[in-house]
Amino acid sequence: MRECGILLPIASLPSDYGIGTFSKEAYEFVDQLKAAGQSYWQILPLGPTGYGDSPYQAFSAFAGNPYFIDLEQLTEQGLLTLKECREADFGDREDCIDYEKIYNSRFDVLKKAFLRWKEQPKARGQKMEEIFGQELAEETREYCFYAALKRHFKDVSWEKWDEDIRLRKEEAVERYRDLLKEDINFYGFLQVMFQRQWKKLKDYANSRGIRFIGDIPIYVALDSADAWSRPELFQFDKNRQPRAVAGCPPDAFSDTGQLWGNPLYNWGYHKKTGFAWWLERMRYCFRLYDVVRVDHFRGFDEYYAIPAKDTTAVNGTWKKGPGLALFRKMKETFGELNIIAEDLGFLTPSVHKLLKNTGFPGMKVLQFAFSVGERSNYLPYFYEHNCVVYTGTHDNDTTRGWFESMDTDEKEFTQKYMDNPQTSPEEVSWDFIRLAVSSVADLAVIPLQDYLCIGKEGRINTPSTLGGNWTWRLRKGQFTEEIIERCRELNWTYGRC
């Protein structure tokens, strides 16, 4: 089937409380997707974020972001009052997220809800721990312990905790579990509310014919429950410090490469355990999403290892990843895998072979197609059916912003390719949308900013920069009936409705 979808992070939804949530606006967007002839809503990772606010550096691969909990649903449960929600300062801009204000206010409001909620199980003769055991995965409960410890140690990374608990000595683990029981239960409450509200939204979307494309980073953050609680999974030394970290080598865009700093997997250990941790991770993801986009697919073939003490990525080396064995094990466990492979960038023949052997669709990004002097394989006439085409991703500028900043030669080639030398900045986004949805790709996914024809102010993220990212928000009423109808007509024209 030829299908289409829209990319919009949950955080970018409108709401009255500073950031997008699983609120009535999320349900309204599902209805808008349906009206626009869409089949998919692609989002960014849902994990709890920390310093830098990146969803790709979450505190756990098995937990949800408490910021996305809809406060008004909590008022309907009698856990909050509207006055308590509205008195909190979450920021006053409807087009931009103020993470500092949300961090300073959100947990205080949610703590009030928790104090009321914890009396409900008691009234039913039930313990909170029973609810957590029934509704939360073991890894999610471990995150709750980790989050309580982070709060106890003033939010510093586990590498700076007291040695006994940093190394998870048994006596220390027992002592802190007892000492921090109330906070652990608070974080458990947040995860229960997150999962219940997400399931309700996902069930509604599925009932309307809308499926979710989720997004998982290949790596976990060093400052995460995963790295602290399961050190054997990673390339750590005896002091639980990384021997090498993740990144990308120098290229035309960066003379020193990209130093991500994520811990690298001990693939030998994963193979010995039958990839048990990865199977649990994917099981968790397949409960959350209908389709999973796996970030940095190349890293499963070969990964770039940078000495942990280096300050640039220049001295890294390529190492062999798990290859097809991991995905065979996944298929044995889950059957057919609804996975999209993020295969962008320079790819070796072995990566192409791995992608072909898995059968996963790869990604085609139109903004990468129009370099003068070469015939990029991102040009639509190179596409096969089994791929997903995007005008751009969360790491790209909006199409209008990108077009306005192109040099003259590239802009002329782009206009010549589209046979539209008079295209304007106001209409160029629709030219590219048409190019995507008219292609042979089975699935076309368009960032909502391109349907809105907005410029660089709509960019979600600029890679390798800190600050000012992940803040863009859709304003109420911005996705108009006129745009929705134009979107539907275009998708119907090219057989995607």
Protein backbone atom coordinates (compact mmCIF):
# COMPACT_ATOMS: atom_id res chain seq x y z
CA MET A 1 0.00 0.00 0.00
CA ARG A 2 1.03 3.57 -0.69
CA GLU A 3 0.69 5.50 2.54
CA CYS A 4 1.68 8.79 4.12
CA GLY A 5 2.27 10.29 7.54
CA ILE A 6 3.25 13.44 9.38
CA LEU A 7 6.24 13.96 11.68
CA LEU A 8 5.42 15.96 14.81
CA PRO A 9 7.01 15.44 18.25
CA ILE A 10 4.61 15.12 21.20
CA ALA A 11 6.44 18.04 22.84
CA SER A 12 5.52 20.26 19.86
CA LEU A 13 1.77 19.92 20.32
CA PRO A 14 -0.19 22.94 21.58
CA SER A 15 -1.29 22.91 25.21
CA ASP A 16 -2.02 25.31 28.05
CA TYR A 17 0.84 24.00 30.16
CA GLY A 18 4.07 24.90 28.39
CA ILE A 19 4.74 21.70 26.41
CA GLY A 20 2.81 19.22 24.31
CA THR A 21 1.23 16.36 26.26
CA PHE A 22 -1.22 13.48 25.87
CA SER A 23 -3.99 16.07 26.12
CA LYS A 24 -7.12 16.88 24.14
CA GLU A 25 -4.90 18.61 21.58
CA ALA A 26 -3.21 15.25 20.87
CA TYR A 27 -6.60 13.66 20.19
CA GLU A 28 -7.54 16.61 17.99
CA PHE A 29 -4.33 16.12 16.00
CA VAL A 30 -5.24 12.46 15.45
CA ASP A 31 -8.55 13.64 13.99
CA GLN A 32 -6.70 16.13 11.80
CA LEU A 33 -4.40 13.38 10.54
CA LYS A 34 -7.45 11.31 9.63
CA ALA A 35 -9.04 14.25 7.82
CA ALA A 36 -5.79 14.89 5.94
CA GLY A 37 -5.74 11.33 4.57
CA GLN A 38 -2.78 10.24 6.70
CA SER A 39 -2.03 6.77 8.06
CA TYR A 40 0.90 7.50 10.38
CA TRP A 41 1.95 9.90 13.10
CA GLN A 42 5.74 9.81 13.52
CA ILE A 43 7.11 11.10 16.82
CA LEU A 44 10.50 11.40 18.51
CA PRO A 45 11.70 9.21 21.43
CA LEU A 46 9.42 9.41 24.48
CA GLY A 47 12.07 8.89 27.19
CA PRO A 48 12.71 11.23 30.15
CA THR A 49 15.12 13.96 29.11
CA GLY A 50 17.86 15.73 31.05
CA TYR A 51 20.45 18.43 30.48
CA GLY A 52 20.24 19.61 26.87
CA ASP A 53 16.61 18.42 26.58
CA SER A 54 17.44 15.92 23.82
CA PRO A 55 15.07 12.96 23.50
CA TYR A 56 18.09 11.04 22.17
CA GLN A 57 19.86 11.31 25.55
CA ALA A 58 17.22 9.87 27.86
CA PHE A 59 17.69 8.71 31.45
CA SER A 60 16.30 5.29 30.50
CA ALA A 61 15.45 3.22 27.44
CA PHE A 62 12.48 1.80 29.39
CA ALA A 63 10.73 4.89 30.77
CA GLY A 64 8.50 7.74 29.61
CA ASN A 65 8.88 11.48 29.95
CA PRO A 66 6.74 12.82 32.82
CA TYR A 67 6.43 16.13 30.97
CA PHE A 68 3.99 14.41 28.59
CA ILE A 69 1.49 13.50 31.32
CA ASP A 70 -1.72 15.45 30.71
CA LEU A 71 -2.53 17.45 33.85
CA GLU A 72 -6.20 17.87 32.98
CA GLN A 73 -6.72 14.10 32.97
CA LEU A 74 -5.31 14.13 36.50
CA THR A 75 -7.89 16.78 37.45
CA GLU A 76 -10.63 14.52 36.10
CA GLN A 77 -9.34 11.79 38.44
CA GLY A 78 -9.51 14.17 41.40
CA LEU A 79 -5.73 14.22 41.77
CA LEU A 80 -5.28 17.91 40.93
CA THR A 81 -7.37 21.06 40.73
CA LEU A 82 -7.40 23.32 37.69
CA LYS A 83 -6.27 26.13 39.99
CA GLU A 84 -3.15 24.16 40.94
CA CYS A 85 -2.37 23.54 37.27
CA ARG A 86 -2.89 27.14 36.19
CA GLU A 87 -1.00 28.74 39.06
CA ALA A 88 2.22 26.93 38.10
CA ASP A 89 4.61 28.85 35.85
CA PHE A 90 5.30 26.71 32.77
CA GLY A 91 6.26 29.64 30.55
CA ASP A 92 4.03 32.05 28.66
CA ARG A 93 5.04 31.44 25.02
CA GLU A 94 2.74 29.25 22.98
CA ASP A 95 5.31 28.80 20.17
CA CYS A 96 8.32 27.78 22.27
CA ILE A 97 9.07 25.40 25.17
CA ASP A 98 10.77 26.88 28.25
CA TYR A 99 12.38 23.74 29.69
CA GLU A 100 13.81 25.52 32.72
CA LYS A 101 10.40 26.71 33.89
CA ILE A 102 8.85 23.33 33.21
CA TYR A 103 11.60 21.55 35.16
CA ASN A 104 11.16 23.93 38.10
CA SER A 105 7.34 23.64 38.19
CA ARG A 106 6.17 20.36 36.67
CA PHE A 107 7.38 17.98 39.35
CA ASP A 108 5.89 20.10 42.15
CA VAL A 109 2.47 19.85 40.54
CA LEU A 110 2.84 16.14 39.86
CA LYS A 111 3.95 15.53 43.45
CA LYS A 112 0.61 16.93 44.64
CA ALA A 113 -1.17 14.45 42.38
CA PHE A 114 0.96 11.60 43.72
CA LEU A 115 0.19 12.41 47.36
CA ARG A 116 -3.52 12.10 46.60
CA TRP A 117 -3.17 9.06 44.33
CA LYS A 118 -1.23 6.96 46.81
CA GLU A 119 -4.26 6.94 49.12
CA GLN A 120 -6.41 5.28 46.44
CA PRO A 121 -4.70 1.85 46.51
CA LYS A 122 -4.91 1.89 50.31
CA ALA A 123 -8.65 2.44 50.10
CA ARG A 124 -8.92 -0.66 47.92
CA GLY A 125 -6.69 -2.68 50.19
CA GLN A 126 -3.95 -2.70 47.57
CA LYS A 127 -0.28 -1.79 47.83
CA MET A 128 1.34 0.60 45.37
CA GLU A 129 4.12 -1.91 44.82
CA GLU A 130 1.53 -4.37 43.47
CA ILE A 131 0.43 -1.84 40.84
CA PHE A 132 4.02 -1.14 39.86
CA GLY A 133 4.73 -4.86 39.59
CA GLN A 134 1.70 -5.43 37.37
CA GLU A 135 2.03 -2.40 35.08
CA LEU A 136 5.74 -1.59 34.89
CA ALA A 137 8.58 -3.63 33.41
CA GLU A 138 11.45 -4.55 35.71
CA GLU A 139 13.72 -2.14 33.82
CA THR A 140 11.18 0.66 34.29
CA ARG A 141 11.08 0.03 38.03
CA GLU A 142 14.87 0.13 38.08
CA TYR A 143 14.68 3.54 36.40
CA CYS A 144 12.42 4.74 39.23
CA PHE A 145 15.12 3.77 41.73
CA TYR A 146 17.73 5.51 39.58
CA ALA A 147 15.64 8.68 39.31
CA ALA A 148 15.19 8.78 43.10
CA LEU A 149 18.94 8.39 43.55
CA LYS A 150 19.66 11.19 41.08
CA ARG A 151 17.38 13.47 43.04
CA HIS A 152 19.09 12.45 46.29
CA PHE A 153 22.51 13.27 44.80
CA LYS A 154 21.38 16.70 43.50
CA ASP A 155 20.87 15.51 39.90
CA VAL A 156 24.51 14.68 39.17
CA SER A 157 25.35 11.69 36.97
CA TRP A 158 25.81 8.31 38.70
CA GLU A 159 29.55 8.53 37.98
CA LYS A 160 29.74 11.13 40.78
CA TRP A 161 27.65 9.29 43.37
CA ASP A 162 29.13 7.80 46.53
CA GLU A 163 31.24 4.78 45.61
CA ASP A 164 29.13 2.15 47.37
CA ILE A 165 25.97 2.95 45.45
CA ARG A 166 27.83 3.91 42.27
CA LEU A 167 29.17 0.35 42.22
CA ARG A 168 25.80 -1.05 43.34
CA LYS A 169 27.12 -2.81 46.41
CA GLU A 170 24.36 -4.95 47.86
CA GLU A 171 24.23 -3.28 51.27
CA ALA A 172 24.08 0.18 49.69
CA VAL A 173 21.30 -0.83 47.28
CA GLU A 174 19.17 -2.15 50.15
CA ARG A 175 19.84 0.91 52.29
CA TYR A 176 18.95 3.40 49.58
CA ARG A 177 15.85 1.49 48.52
CA ASP A 178 14.59 1.86 52.07
CA LEU A 179 15.75 5.46 52.49
CA LEU A 180 14.25 6.66 49.19
CA LYS A 181 11.07 4.56 49.18
CA GLU A 182 8.75 7.57 48.95
CA ASP A 183 10.62 9.07 45.98
CA ILE A 184 10.85 5.69 44.25
CA ASN A 185 7.08 5.35 44.56
CA PHE A 186 6.64 8.89 43.21
CA TYR A 187 8.58 8.02 40.06
CA GLY A 188 6.62 4.77 39.82
CA PHE A 189 3.41 6.79 39.91
CA LEU A 190 4.69 8.99 37.08
CA GLN A 191 5.45 5.95 34.93
CA VAL A 192 2.03 4.41 35.60
CA MET A 193 0.30 7.67 34.62
CA PHE A 194 2.51 8.02 31.53
CA GLN A 195 1.79 4.49 30.32
CA ARG A 196 -1.95 4.64 31.01
CA GLN A 197 -2.37 7.97 29.22
CA TRP A 198 -0.18 6.92 26.29
CA LYS A 199 -2.10 3.66 25.85
CA LYS A 200 -5.37 5.57 25.84
CA LEU A 201 -4.09 7.94 23.14
CA LYS A 202 -2.59 5.12 21.07
CA ASP A 203 -5.81 3.08 21.25
CA TYR A 204 -7.77 6.12 20.06
CA ALA A 205 -5.35 6.75 17.19
CA ASN A 206 -5.43 3.10 16.11
CA SER A 207 -9.24 3.12 16.19
CA ARG A 208 -9.11 6.05 13.76
CA GLY A 209 -6.72 4.21 11.44
CA ILE A 210 -3.64 6.15 12.58
CA ARG A 211 -0.52 4.20 13.58
CA PHE A 212 2.45 5.53 15.51
CA ILE A 213 6.01 5.44 14.22
CA GLY A 214 8.27 5.58 17.26
CA ASP A 215 11.96 6.34 17.30
CA ILE A 216 14.69 4.65 19.33
CA PRO A 217 18.32 5.76 19.53
CA ILE A 218 20.80 2.93 18.97
CA TYR A 219 22.75 4.05 22.04
CA VAL A 220 21.73 4.88 25.59
CA ALA A 221 23.06 7.87 27.52
CA LEU A 222 25.96 7.44 29.92
CA ASP A 223 23.85 9.25 32.52
CA SER A 224 21.12 6.62 32.46
CA ALA A 225 19.61 3.84 34.52
CA ASP A 226 20.67 1.43 31.79
CA ALA A 227 24.38 2.23 32.07
CA TRP A 228 24.35 2.33 35.89
CA SER A 229 22.28 -0.80 36.54
CA ARG A 230 23.69 -3.03 33.77
CA PRO A 231 27.42 -2.20 33.38
CA GLU A 232 28.13 -5.62 31.87
CA LEU A 233 26.25 -4.52 28.75
CA PHE A 234 28.83 -1.86 27.94
CA GLN A 235 32.54 -1.41 27.28
CA PHE A 236 33.41 -0.30 30.82
CA ASP A 237 36.64 -0.81 32.76
CA LYS A 238 36.82 -2.25 36.29
CA ASN A 239 35.92 1.18 37.71
CA ARG A 240 32.83 1.29 35.47
CA GLN A 241 34.25 4.04 33.29
CA PRO A 242 33.90 3.85 29.48
CA ARG A 243 36.91 2.55 27.60
CA ALA A 244 35.56 4.06 24.39
CA VAL A 245 32.53 6.12 23.42
CA ALA A 246 30.33 6.63 20.37
CA GLY A 247 30.50 9.23 17.65
CA CYS A 248 31.16 9.83 13.96
CA PRO A 249 34.46 10.37 12.10
CA PRO A 250 35.54 13.64 10.50
CA ASP A 251 33.74 14.46 7.25
CA ALA A 252 32.95 17.38 4.96
CA PHE A 253 30.75 18.90 7.65
CA SER A 254 33.16 18.60 10.59
CA ASP A 255 36.96 18.47 10.58
CA THR A 256 37.01 16.80 14.01
CA GLY A 257 33.97 14.54 13.64
CA GLN A 258 31.16 14.20 16.17
CA LEU A 259 31.86 13.12 19.75
CA TRP A 260 28.54 11.85 21.11
CA GLY A 261 29.96 10.37 24.30
CA ASN A 262 27.49 7.47 24.62
CA PRO A 263 28.86 4.22 26.07
CA LEU A 264 29.45 1.50 23.50
CA TYR A 265 27.90 -1.95 23.77
CA ASN A 266 29.84 -5.03 24.74
CA TRP A 267 28.50 -6.97 21.78
CA GLY A 268 30.32 -10.13 22.83
CA TYR A 269 28.31 -10.22 26.06
CA HIS A 270 25.04 -9.47 24.24
CA LYS A 271 25.68 -12.35 21.85
CA LYS A 272 26.38 -14.77 24.74
CA THR A 273 23.03 -13.88 26.34
CA GLY A 274 21.10 -14.31 23.10
CA PHE A 275 20.69 -10.52 22.91
CA ALA A 276 18.34 -10.70 25.90
CA TRP A 277 18.57 -7.00 26.79
CA TRP A 278 17.89 -5.94 23.21
CA LEU A 279 14.89 -8.25 23.05
CA GLU A 280 13.48 -6.64 26.20
CA ARG A 281 14.14 -3.20 24.76
CA MET A 282 12.32 -4.01 21.54
CA ARG A 283 9.48 -5.68 23.45
CA TYR A 284 9.02 -2.43 25.36
CA CYS A 285 9.13 -0.41 22.12
CA PHE A 286 6.64 -2.64 20.30
CA ARG A 287 4.21 -2.10 23.18
CA LEU A 288 4.55 1.66 22.72
CA TYR A 289 4.60 1.95 18.92
CA ASP A 290 3.16 0.30 15.83
CA VAL A 291 6.39 0.84 13.87
CA VAL A 292 9.88 1.46 15.24
CA ARG A 293 12.41 3.67 13.48
CA VAL A 294 15.87 2.50 14.58
CA ASP A 295 18.32 5.39 14.66
CA HIS A 296 21.90 5.05 13.32
CA PHE A 297 21.31 1.66 11.69
CA ARG A 298 24.88 1.66 10.40
CA GLY A 299 26.11 1.04 13.96
CA PHE A 300 24.75 -2.51 13.89
CA ASP A 301 27.12 -3.32 11.03
CA GLU A 302 30.13 -1.32 12.19
CA TYR A 303 30.40 1.25 14.96
CA TYR A 304 32.87 4.09 15.46
CA ALA A 305 34.80 3.76 18.73
CA ILE A 306 36.55 6.85 20.13
CA PRO A 307 38.99 6.61 23.09
CA ALA A 308 37.02 7.79 26.11
CA LYS A 309 39.54 10.44 27.16
CA ASP A 310 39.73 12.10 23.73
CA THR A 311 38.13 15.50 23.24
CA THR A 312 37.44 15.03 19.50
CA ALA A 313 36.40 12.15 17.26
CA VAL A 314 39.56 12.24 15.14
CA ASN A 315 41.23 9.15 16.62
CA GLY A 316 38.28 6.78 16.49
CA THR A 317 38.33 3.41 14.73
CA TRP A 318 35.64 1.27 13.14
CA LYS A 319 34.68 -1.93 14.98
CA LYS A 320 32.43 -4.81 13.94
CA GLY A 321 28.85 -4.75 15.25
CA PRO A 322 26.41 -7.64 15.79
CA GLY A 323 25.20 -7.66 12.19
CA LEU A 324 22.32 -9.83 11.03
CA ALA A 325 22.44 -12.14 14.08
CA LEU A 326 20.65 -9.56 16.25
CA PHE A 327 17.79 -9.08 13.79
CA ARG A 328 17.41 -12.81 13.21
CA LYS A 329 16.96 -13.23 16.95
CA MET A 330 14.38 -10.44 16.97
CA LYS A 331 12.46 -12.08 14.14
CA GLU A 332 12.53 -15.45 15.95
CA THR A 333 11.06 -13.73 19.01
CA PHE A 334 8.56 -11.27 17.54
CA GLY A 335 7.81 -12.54 14.04
CA GLU A 336 7.66 -9.95 11.27
CA LEU A 337 9.39 -6.74 12.40
CA ASN A 338 7.79 -3.37 11.72
CA ILE A 339 11.09 -1.48 11.63
CA ILE A 340 12.35 1.48 9.61
CA ALA A 341 16.14 1.67 9.34
CA GLU A 342 17.73 5.11 9.63
CA ASP A 343 20.42 4.49 7.02
CA LEU A 344 21.47 8.06 6.28
CA GLY A 345 25.02 9.21 5.66
CA PHE A 346 27.96 7.45 4.04
CA LEU A 347 27.20 3.74 3.79
CA THR A 348 29.62 0.92 3.03
CA PRO A 349 28.71 -2.14 0.91
CA SER A 350 28.36 -4.22 4.10
CA VAL A 351 25.74 -1.80 5.47
CA HIS A 352 23.79 -2.03 2.22
CA LYS A 353 23.99 -5.81 2.44
CA LEU A 354 22.75 -5.82 6.05
CA LEU A 355 19.81 -3.60 5.16
CA LYS A 356 18.91 -5.80 2.19
CA ASN A 357 19.12 -8.98 4.27
CA THR A 358 16.84 -7.58 6.98
CA GLY A 359 14.28 -6.42 4.44
CA PHE A 360 13.72 -3.19 6.40
CA PRO A 361 12.83 -0.05 4.46
CA GLY A 362 15.53 2.62 4.56
CA MET A 363 15.13 6.39 4.46
CA LYS A 364 15.34 8.87 1.59
CA VAL A 365 15.64 12.58 2.45
CA LEU A 366 14.98 15.03 -0.37
CA GLN A 367 17.12 17.76 1.18
CA PHE A 368 20.15 15.51 0.59
CA ALA A 369 19.36 15.07 -3.11
CA PHE A 370 20.33 18.31 -4.79
CA SER A 371 24.09 18.71 -4.62
CA VAL A 372 25.43 20.10 -7.89
CA GLY A 373 27.99 17.96 -9.71
CA GLU A 374 26.76 14.55 -8.52
CA ARG A 375 23.75 12.33 -8.95
CA SER A 376 22.68 11.63 -5.38
CA ASN A 377 20.81 8.39 -4.69
CA TYR A 378 18.33 10.51 -2.73
CA LEU A 379 16.91 11.78 -6.05
CA PRO A 380 13.47 10.16 -6.51
CA TYR A 381 14.32 8.36 -9.75
CA PHE A 382 16.69 6.12 -7.78
CA TYR A 383 14.03 4.98 -5.28
CA GLU A 384 12.70 1.47 -4.84
CA HIS A 385 9.27 0.83 -3.39
CA ASN A 386 10.61 -0.45 -0.07
CA CYS A 387 11.68 2.86 1.43
CA VAL A 388 10.36 5.86 3.36
CA VAL A 389 10.76 9.29 1.78
CA TYR A 390 11.00 12.50 3.81
CA THR A 391 11.34 16.11 2.74
CA GLY A 392 13.53 16.49 5.86
CA THR A 393 13.84 15.11 9.38
CA HIS A 394 14.01 16.58 12.88
CA ASP A 395 17.76 17.17 12.30
CA ASN A 396 17.19 19.19 9.11
CA ASP A 397 16.12 22.76 8.64
CA THR A 398 12.56 23.14 7.39
CA THR A 399 12.30 22.88 3.62
CA ARG A 400 11.64 26.61 3.28
CA GLY A 401 14.54 27.49 5.59
CA TRP A 402 16.84 25.12 3.69
CA PHE A 403 15.78 26.44 0.27
CA GLU A 404 16.26 30.07 1.29
CA SER A 405 19.83 29.32 2.42
CA MET A 406 20.89 27.30 -0.68
CA ASP A 407 23.61 28.62 -2.94
CA THR A 408 22.63 29.76 -6.42
CA ASP A 409 23.78 26.68 -8.33
CA GLU A 410 21.97 24.23 -6.06
CA LYS A 411 18.83 26.34 -6.12
CA GLU A 412 18.85 26.43 -9.94
CA PHE A 413 19.33 22.65 -10.12
CA THR A 414 16.48 22.14 -7.65
CA GLN A 415 14.14 24.39 -9.64
CA LYS A 416 15.15 22.70 -12.90
CA TYR A 417 14.49 19.24 -11.43
CA MET A 418 11.02 20.28 -10.32
CA ASP A 419 10.45 22.12 -13.62
CA ASN A 420 9.39 25.17 -11.66
CA PRO A 421 11.88 28.03 -12.06
CA GLN A 422 9.45 30.50 -10.50
CA THR A 423 8.84 28.67 -7.25
CA SER A 424 8.64 31.02 -4.28
CA PRO A 425 9.78 30.52 -0.67
CA GLU A 426 6.10 30.46 0.30
CA GLU A 427 5.35 27.57 -2.08
CA VAL A 428 8.61 25.62 -2.24
CA SER A 429 7.58 23.37 0.65
CA TRP A 430 4.55 22.18 -1.32
CA ASP A 431 6.75 21.55 -4.36
CA PHE A 432 8.88 19.22 -2.26
CA ILE A 433 5.90 17.58 -0.62
CA ARG A 434 4.54 16.83 -4.08
CA LEU A 435 7.92 15.39 -5.07
CA ALA A 436 7.84 13.08 -2.03
CA VAL A 437 4.25 11.85 -2.23
CA SER A 438 4.43 11.33 -6.02
CA SER A 439 7.49 9.07 -5.70
CA VAL A 440 7.36 5.26 -5.75
CA ALA A 441 8.29 5.04 -2.04
CA ASP A 442 5.74 2.96 -0.15
CA LEU A 443 5.60 5.54 2.64
CA ALA A 444 6.02 9.33 2.58
CA VAL A 445 6.44 11.19 5.89
CA ILE A 446 6.44 14.98 5.95
CA PRO A 447 7.36 17.18 8.93
CA LEU A 448 4.34 19.30 9.82
CA GLN A 449 6.42 22.49 9.52
CA ASP A 450 6.62 21.89 5.76
CA TYR A 451 2.84 21.73 5.41
CA LEU A 452 2.78 25.04 7.31
CA CYS A 453 5.43 26.50 4.94
CA ILE A 454 7.39 28.02 7.81
CA GLY A 455 11.08 28.92 7.71
CA LYS A 456 14.10 28.29 9.90
CA GLU A 457 12.18 29.33 13.03
CA GLY A 458 10.46 25.94 12.79
CA ARG A 459 13.65 23.88 12.97
CA ILE A 460 13.59 21.23 15.71
CA ASN A 461 17.30 20.44 16.12
CA THR A 462 20.69 21.47 14.83
CA PRO A 463 23.08 18.53 15.38
CA SER A 464 26.27 19.08 17.39
CA THR A 465 24.88 22.21 19.07
CA LEU A 466 23.71 22.66 22.65
CA GLY A 467 20.89 25.00 23.56
CA GLY A 468 17.97 26.31 21.56
CA ASN A 469 16.96 22.88 20.26
CA TRP A 470 13.78 20.80 20.76
CA THR A 471 11.72 23.91 21.59
CA TRP A 472 9.46 24.54 18.57
CA ARG A 473 5.72 24.26 19.16
CA LEU A 474 2.66 24.23 16.95
CA ARG A 475 0.29 27.08 17.81
CA LYS A 476 -3.40 26.44 18.28
CA GLY A 477 -5.26 26.83 15.00
CA GLN A 478 -2.07 26.87 12.91
CA PHE A 479 -2.86 23.57 11.16
CA THR A 480 -5.91 24.99 9.41
CA GLU A 481 -8.79 23.32 7.61
CA GLU A 482 -7.48 24.80 4.35
CA ILE A 483 -4.05 23.17 4.83
CA ILE A 484 -5.65 19.87 5.87
CA GLU A 485 -7.83 19.81 2.75
CA ARG A 486 -4.87 20.64 0.50
CA CYS A 487 -2.88 17.90 2.18
CA ARG A 488 -5.65 15.35 1.65
CA GLU A 489 -6.16 16.32 -1.98
CA LEU A 490 -2.46 15.94 -2.74
CA ASN A 491 -2.27 12.53 -1.07
CA TRP A 492 -5.42 11.37 -2.85
CA THR A 493 -3.99 12.52 -6.19
CA TYR A 494 -0.94 10.31 -5.72
CA GLY A 495 -2.76 7.29 -4.33
CA ARG A 496 -1.79 7.63 -0.65
CA CYS A 497 -5.19 8.20 0.98
